[in-house]
């Protein structure tokens, strides 16, 4: 396994652990729905975040209409 793959696996593990902590008290249906929404909107959020970070803007300076 190369360094890039190891990094991707570490990041995926951290995401799973974070999801488990955040949703620990939720029922199964709520956890499933949250996971579905993360999968559905994840690429959009990543593109939005990349676009704003590339322009040197942080979240404090972003208006909802951006």
PDB file of N, CA and C in Angstrom:
ATOM      1  N   UNK A   1       0.851  -1.177   0.000  1.00  0.00           N
ATOM      2  CA  UNK A   1       0.000   0.000   0.000  1.00  0.00           C
ATOM      3  C   UNK A   1       0.898   1.242   0.000  1.00  0.00           C
ATOM      4  N   UNK A   2       0.602   2.187  -0.900  1.00  0.00           N
ATOM      5  CA  UNK A   2       1.417   3.400  -0.964  1.00  0.00           C
ATOM      6  C   UNK A   2       0.918   4.441   0.044  1.00  0.00           C
ATOM      7  N   UNK A   3       1.650   5.523   0.172  1.00  0.00           N
ATOM      8  CA  UNK A   3       1.331   6.560   1.162  1.00  0.00           C
ATOM      9  C   UNK A   3      -0.021   7.211   0.887  1.00  0.00           C
ATOM     10  N   UNK A   4      -0.362   7.421  -0.386  1.00  0.00           N
ATOM     11  CA  UNK A   4      -1.654   8.031  -0.716  1.00  0.00           C
ATOM     12  C   UNK A   4      -2.811   7.143  -0.272  1.00  0.00           C
ATOM     13  N   UNK A   5      -2.704   5.869  -0.553  1.00  0.00           N
ATOM     14  CA  UNK A   5      -3.756   4.920  -0.162  1.00  0.00           C
ATOM     15  C   UNK A   5      -3.859   4.841   1.353  1.00  0.00           C
ATOM     16  N   UNK A   6      -2.747   4.828   2.038  1.00  0.00           N
ATOM     17  CA  UNK A   6      -2.753   4.798   3.503  1.00  0.00           C
ATOM     18  C   UNK A   6      -3.435   6.044   4.052  1.00  0.00           C
ATOM     19  N   UNK A   7      -3.169   7.187   3.452  1.00  0.00           N
ATOM     20  CA  UNK A   7      -3.806   8.433   3.876  1.00  0.00           C
ATOM     21  C   UNK A   7      -5.305   8.405   3.653  1.00  0.00           C
ATOM     22  N   UNK A   8      -5.730   7.875   2.506  1.00  0.00           N
ATOM     23  CA  UNK A   8      -7.166   7.769   2.218  1.00  0.00           C
ATOM     24  C   UNK A   8      -7.857   6.849   3.220  1.00  0.00           C
ATOM     25  N   UNK A   9      -7.203   5.760   3.555  1.00  0.00           N
ATOM     26  CA  UNK A   9      -7.799   4.823   4.515  1.00  0.00           C
ATOM     27  C   UNK A   9      -7.897   5.437   5.908  1.00  0.00           C
ATOM     28  N   UNK A  10      -6.859   6.165   6.303  1.00  0.00           N
ATOM     29  CA  UNK A  10      -6.895   6.846   7.610  1.00  0.00           C
ATOM     30  C   UNK A  10      -8.030   7.859   7.653  1.00  0.00           C
ATOM     31  N   UNK A  11      -8.158   8.651   6.586  1.00  0.00           N
ATOM     32  CA  UNK A  11      -9.209   9.662   6.522  1.00  0.00           C
ATOM     33  C   UNK A  11     -10.588   9.004   6.572  1.00  0.00           C
ATOM     34  N   UNK A  12     -10.790   7.922   5.827  1.00  0.00           N
ATOM     35  CA  UNK A  12     -12.072   7.211   5.832  1.00  0.00           C
ATOM     36  C   UNK A  12     -12.386   6.669   7.225  1.00  0.00           C
ATOM     37  N   UNK A  13     -11.384   6.146   7.903  1.00  0.00           N
ATOM     38  CA  UNK A  13     -11.565   5.637   9.257  1.00  0.00           C
ATOM     39  C   UNK A  13     -11.970   6.763  10.209  1.00  0.00           C
ATOM     40  N   UNK A  14     -11.320   7.908  10.099  1.00  0.00           N
ATOM     41  CA  UNK A  14     -11.656   9.060  10.935  1.00  0.00           C
ATOM     42  C   UNK A  14     -13.081   9.523  10.661  1.00  0.00           C
ATOM     43  N   UNK A  15     -13.494   9.513   9.393  1.00  0.00           N
ATOM     44  CA  UNK A  15     -14.865   9.900   9.059  1.00  0.00           C
ATOM     45  C   UNK A  15     -15.866   8.937   9.687  1.00  0.00           C
ATOM     46  N   UNK A  16     -15.608   7.634   9.594  1.00  0.00           N
ATOM     47  CA  UNK A  16     -16.512   6.640  10.188  1.00  0.00           C
ATOM     48  C   UNK A  16     -16.608   6.826  11.698  1.00  0.00           C
ATOM     49  N   UNK A  17     -15.464   7.023  12.359  1.00  0.00           N
ATOM     50  CA  UNK A  17     -15.460   7.206  13.808  1.00  0.00           C
ATOM     51  C   UNK A  17     -16.223   8.467  14.204  1.00  0.00           C
ATOM     52  N   UNK A  18     -16.049   9.534  13.455  1.00  0.00           N
ATOM     53  CA  UNK A  18     -16.757  10.781  13.737  1.00  0.00           C
ATOM     54  C   UNK A  18     -18.255  10.596  13.557  1.00  0.00           C
ATOM     55  N   UNK A  19     -18.655   9.942  12.475  1.00  0.00           N
ATOM     56  CA  UNK A  19     -20.071   9.664  12.240  1.00  0.00           C
ATOM     57  C   UNK A  19     -20.650   8.861  13.403  1.00  0.00           C
ATOM     58  N   UNK A  20     -19.926   7.856  13.865  1.00  0.00           N
ATOM     59  CA  UNK A  20     -20.389   7.028  14.980  1.00  0.00           C
ATOM     60  C   UNK A  20     -20.571   7.862  16.250  1.00  0.00           C
ATOM     61  N   UNK A  21     -19.624   8.758  16.531  1.00  0.00           N
ATOM     62  CA  UNK A  21     -19.732   9.605  17.728  1.00  0.00           C
ATOM     63  C   UNK A  21     -20.919  10.556  17.623  1.00  0.00           C
ATOM     64  N   UNK A  22     -21.079  11.195  16.470  1.00  0.00           N
ATOM     65  CA  UNK A  22     -22.148  12.180  16.300  1.00  0.00           C
ATOM     66  C   UNK A  22     -23.524  11.531  16.383  1.00  0.00           C
ATOM     67  N   UNK A  23     -23.651  10.348  15.810  1.00  0.00           N
ATOM     68  CA  UNK A  23     -24.966   9.714  15.703  1.00  0.00           C
ATOM     69  C   UNK A  23     -25.198   8.613  16.733  1.00  0.00           C
ATOM     70  N   UNK A  24     -24.359   8.505  17.732  1.00  0.00           N
ATOM     71  CA  UNK A  24     -24.438   7.402  18.702  1.00  0.00           C
ATOM     72  C   UNK A  24     -25.812   7.286  19.364  1.00  0.00           C
ATOM     73  N   UNK A  25     -26.452   8.388  19.668  1.00  0.00           N
ATOM     74  CA  UNK A  25     -27.738   8.353  20.365  1.00  0.00           C
ATOM     75  C   UNK A  25     -28.936   8.326  19.411  1.00  0.00           C
ATOM     76  N   UNK A  26     -28.685   8.332  18.123  1.00  0.00           N
ATOM     77  CA  UNK A  26     -29.771   8.344  17.139  1.00  0.00           C
ATOM     78  C   UNK A  26     -30.317   6.942  16.927  1.00  0.00           C
ATOM     79  N   UNK A  27     -31.571   6.877  16.459  1.00  0.00           N
ATOM     80  CA  UNK A  27     -32.114   5.570  16.091  1.00  0.00           C
ATOM     81  C   UNK A  27     -31.567   5.158  14.722  1.00  0.00           C
ATOM     82  N   UNK A  28     -31.785   3.901  14.380  1.00  0.00           N
ATOM     83  CA  UNK A  28     -31.232   3.358  13.130  1.00  0.00           C
ATOM     84  C   UNK A  28     -31.734   4.115  11.904  1.00  0.00           C
ATOM     85  N   UNK A  29     -33.005   4.489  11.902  1.00  0.00           N
ATOM     86  CA  UNK A  29     -33.561   5.206  10.747  1.00  0.00           C
ATOM     87  C   UNK A  29     -32.897   6.570  10.577  1.00  0.00           C
ATOM     88  N   UNK A  30     -32.651   7.270  11.668  1.00  0.00           N
ATOM     89  CA  UNK A  30     -31.994   8.572  11.603  1.00  0.00           C
ATOM     90  C   UNK A  30     -30.558   8.464  11.118  1.00  0.00           C
ATOM     91  N   UNK A  31     -29.870   7.442  11.590  1.00  0.00           N
ATOM     92  CA  UNK A  31     -28.484   7.230  11.150  1.00  0.00           C
ATOM     93  C   UNK A  31     -28.432   6.894   9.665  1.00  0.00           C
ATOM     94  N   UNK A  32     -29.353   6.055   9.231  1.00  0.00           N
ATOM     95  CA  UNK A  32     -29.402   5.681   7.813  1.00  0.00           C
ATOM     96  C   UNK A  32     -29.698   6.898   6.958  1.00  0.00           C
ATOM     97  N   UNK A  33     -30.658   7.715   7.373  1.00  0.00           N
ATOM     98  CA  UNK A  33     -31.016   8.913   6.603  1.00  0.00           C
ATOM     99  C   UNK A  33     -29.837   9.882   6.544  1.00  0.00           C
ATOM    100  N   UNK A  34     -29.158  10.077   7.646  1.00  0.00           N
ATOM    101  CA  UNK A  34     -27.990  10.962   7.666  1.00  0.00           C
ATOM    102  C   UNK A  34     -26.914  10.444   6.716  1.00  0.00           C
ATOM    103  N   UNK A  35     -26.653   9.152   6.753  1.00  0.00           N
ATOM    104  CA  UNK A  35     -25.650   8.567   5.857  1.00  0.00           C
ATOM    105  C   UNK A  35     -26.047   8.758   4.398  1.00  0.00           C
ATOM    106  N   UNK A  36     -27.337   8.567   4.092  1.00  0.00           N
ATOM    107  CA  UNK A  36     -27.814   8.767   2.720  1.00  0.00           C
ATOM    108  C   UNK A  36     -27.592  10.207   2.261  1.00  0.00           C
ATOM    109  N   UNK A  37     -27.881  11.158   3.145  1.00  0.00           N
ATOM    110  CA  UNK A  37     -27.696  12.569   2.794  1.00  0.00           C
ATOM    111  C   UNK A  37     -26.218  12.918   2.626  1.00  0.00           C
ATOM    112  N   UNK A  38     -25.373  12.366   3.479  1.00  0.00           N
ATOM    113  CA  UNK A  38     -23.934  12.607   3.335  1.00  0.00           C
ATOM    114  C   UNK A  38     -23.424  12.075   2.001  1.00  0.00           C
ATOM    115  N   UNK A  39     -23.896  10.892   1.625  1.00  0.00           N
ATOM    116  CA  UNK A  39     -23.486  10.317   0.340  1.00  0.00           C
ATOM    117  C   UNK A  39     -24.028  11.147  -0.814  1.00  0.00           C
ATOM    118  N   UNK A  40     -25.271  11.554  -0.706  1.00  0.00           N
ATOM    119  CA  UNK A  40     -25.906  12.317  -1.792  1.00  0.00           C
ATOM    120  C   UNK A  40     -25.264  13.681  -1.995  1.00  0.00           C
ATOM    121  N   UNK A  41     -25.033  14.401  -0.895  1.00  0.00           N
ATOM    122  CA  UNK A  41     -24.558  15.777  -1.011  1.00  0.00           C
ATOM    123  C   UNK A  41     -23.060  15.943  -0.781  1.00  0.00           C
ATOM    124  N   UNK A  42     -22.360  14.888  -0.453  1.00  0.00           N
ATOM    125  CA  UNK A  42     -20.919  14.961  -0.215  1.00  0.00           C
ATOM    126  C   UNK A  42     -20.134  15.565  -1.364  1.00  0.00           C
ATOM    127  N   UNK A  43     -20.346  15.102  -2.602  1.00  0.00           N
ATOM    128  CA  UNK A  43     -19.600  15.683  -3.728  1.00  0.00           C
ATOM    129  C   UNK A  43     -19.884  17.177  -3.917  1.00  0.00           C
ATOM    130  N   UNK A  44     -21.141  17.588  -3.712  1.00  0.00           N
ATOM    131  CA  UNK A  44     -21.480  19.005  -3.836  1.00  0.00           C
ATOM    132  C   UNK A  44     -20.769  19.828  -2.768  1.00  0.00           C
ATOM    133  N   UNK A  45     -20.759  19.323  -1.544  1.00  0.00           N
ATOM    134  CA  UNK A  45     -20.101  20.040  -0.450  1.00  0.00           C
ATOM    135  C   UNK A  45     -18.602  20.127  -0.691  1.00  0.00           C
ATOM    136  N   UNK A  46     -18.020  19.053  -1.199  1.00  0.00           N
ATOM    137  CA  UNK A  46     -16.589  19.059  -1.495  1.00  0.00           C
ATOM    138  C   UNK A  46     -16.242  20.071  -2.562  1.00  0.00           C
ATOM    139  N   UNK A  47     -17.068  20.144  -3.602  1.00  0.00           N
ATOM    140  CA  UNK A  47     -16.830  21.106  -4.683  1.00  0.00           C
ATOM    141  C   UNK A  47     -16.991  22.532  -4.167  1.00  0.00           C
ATOM    142  N   UNK A  48     -18.007  22.761  -3.357  1.00  0.00           N
ATOM    143  CA  UNK A  48     -18.247  24.096  -2.803  1.00  0.00           C
ATOM    144  C   UNK A  48     -17.072  24.503  -1.917  1.00  0.00           C
ATOM    145  N   UNK A  49     -16.643  23.593  -1.054  1.00  0.00           N
ATOM    146  CA  UNK A  49     -15.537  23.883  -0.147  1.00  0.00           C
ATOM    147  C   UNK A  49     -14.252  24.172  -0.920  1.00  0.00           C
ATOM    148  N   UNK A  50     -13.975  23.365  -1.922  1.00  0.00           N
ATOM    149  CA  UNK A  50     -12.774  23.565  -2.734  1.00  0.00           C
ATOM    150  C   UNK A  50     -12.814  24.911  -3.433  1.00  0.00           C
ATOM    151  N   UNK A  51     -13.953  25.257  -3.997  1.00  0.00           N
ATOM    152  CA  UNK A  51     -14.086  26.525  -4.710  1.00  0.00           C
ATOM    153  C   UNK A  51     -13.821  27.702  -3.772  1.00  0.00           C
ATOM    154  N   UNK A  52     -14.362  27.649  -2.573  1.00  0.00           N
ATOM    155  CA  UNK A  52     -14.195  28.764  -1.646  1.00  0.00           C
ATOM    156  C   UNK A  52     -12.801  28.802  -1.031  1.00  0.00           C
ATOM    157  N   UNK A  53     -12.207  27.672  -0.777  1.00  0.00           N
ATOM    158  CA  UNK A  53     -10.845  27.656  -0.232  1.00  0.00           C
ATOM    159  C   UNK A  53      -9.846  28.130  -1.273  1.00  0.00           C
ATOM    160  N   UNK A  54     -10.083  27.806  -2.523  1.00  0.00           N
ATOM    161  CA  UNK A  54      -9.170  28.236  -3.591  1.00  0.00           C
ATOM    162  C   UNK A  54      -9.178  29.748  -3.755  1.00  0.00           C
ATOM    163  N   UNK A  55     -10.265  30.376  -3.363  1.00  0.00           N
ATOM    164  CA  UNK A  55     -10.367  31.827  -3.477  1.00  0.00           C
ATOM    165  C   UNK A  55      -9.911  32.527  -2.198  1.00  0.00           C
ATOM    166  N   UNK A  56      -9.370  31.754  -1.266  1.00  0.00           N
ATOM    167  CA  UNK A  56      -8.834  32.343  -0.045  1.00  0.00           C
ATOM    168  C   UNK A  56      -9.899  32.853   0.905  1.00  0.00           C
ATOM    169  N   UNK A  57     -11.085  32.285   0.825  1.00  0.00           N
ATOM    170  CA  UNK A  57     -12.173  32.737   1.688  1.00  0.00           C
ATOM    171  C   UNK A  57     -12.378  31.718   2.798  1.00  0.00           C
ATOM    172  N   UNK A  58     -12.636  32.208   3.981  1.00  0.00           N
ATOM    173  CA  UNK A  58     -12.953  31.280   5.057  1.00  0.00           C
ATOM    174  C   UNK A  58     -14.445  31.362   5.355  1.00  0.00           C
ATOM    175  N   UNK A  59     -14.930  30.456   6.175  1.00  0.00           N
ATOM    176  CA  UNK A  59     -16.371  30.357   6.408  1.00  0.00           C
ATOM    177  C   UNK A  59     -16.950  31.609   7.050  1.00  0.00           C
ATOM    178  N   UNK A  60     -16.154  32.389   7.767  1.00  0.00           N
ATOM    179  CA  UNK A  60     -16.660  33.604   8.404  1.00  0.00           C
ATOM    180  C   UNK A  60     -17.014  34.675   7.381  1.00  0.00           C
ATOM    181  N   UNK A  61     -16.452  34.593   6.192  1.00  0.00           N
ATOM    182  CA  UNK A  61     -16.683  35.615   5.174  1.00  0.00           C
ATOM    183  C   UNK A  61     -17.633  35.177   4.067  1.00  0.00           C
ATOM    184  N   UNK A  62     -18.264  34.030   4.223  1.00  0.00           N
ATOM    185  CA  UNK A  62     -19.125  33.510   3.164  1.00  0.00           C
ATOM    186  C   UNK A  62     -20.578  33.773   3.522  1.00  0.00           C
ATOM    187  N   UNK A  63     -21.264  34.441   2.626  1.00  0.00           N
ATOM    188  CA  UNK A  63     -22.684  34.701   2.807  1.00  0.00           C
ATOM    189  C   UNK A  63     -23.471  33.512   2.268  1.00  0.00           C
ATOM    190  N   UNK A  64     -24.692  33.261   2.796  1.00  0.00           N
ATOM    191  CA  UNK A  64     -25.478  32.116   2.336  1.00  0.00           C
ATOM    192  C   UNK A  64     -25.721  32.101   0.835  1.00  0.00           C
ATOM    193  N   UNK A  65     -25.804  33.255   0.190  1.00  0.00           N
ATOM    194  CA  UNK A  65     -26.096  33.278  -1.244  1.00  0.00           C
ATOM    195  C   UNK A  65     -24.875  32.977  -2.103  1.00  0.00           C
ATOM    196  N   UNK A  66     -23.684  32.824  -1.504  1.00  0.00           N
ATOM    197  CA  UNK A  66     -22.469  32.503  -2.274  1.00  0.00           C
ATOM    198  C   UNK A  66     -22.537  31.110  -2.843  1.00  0.00           C
TER     199      UNK A  66
END
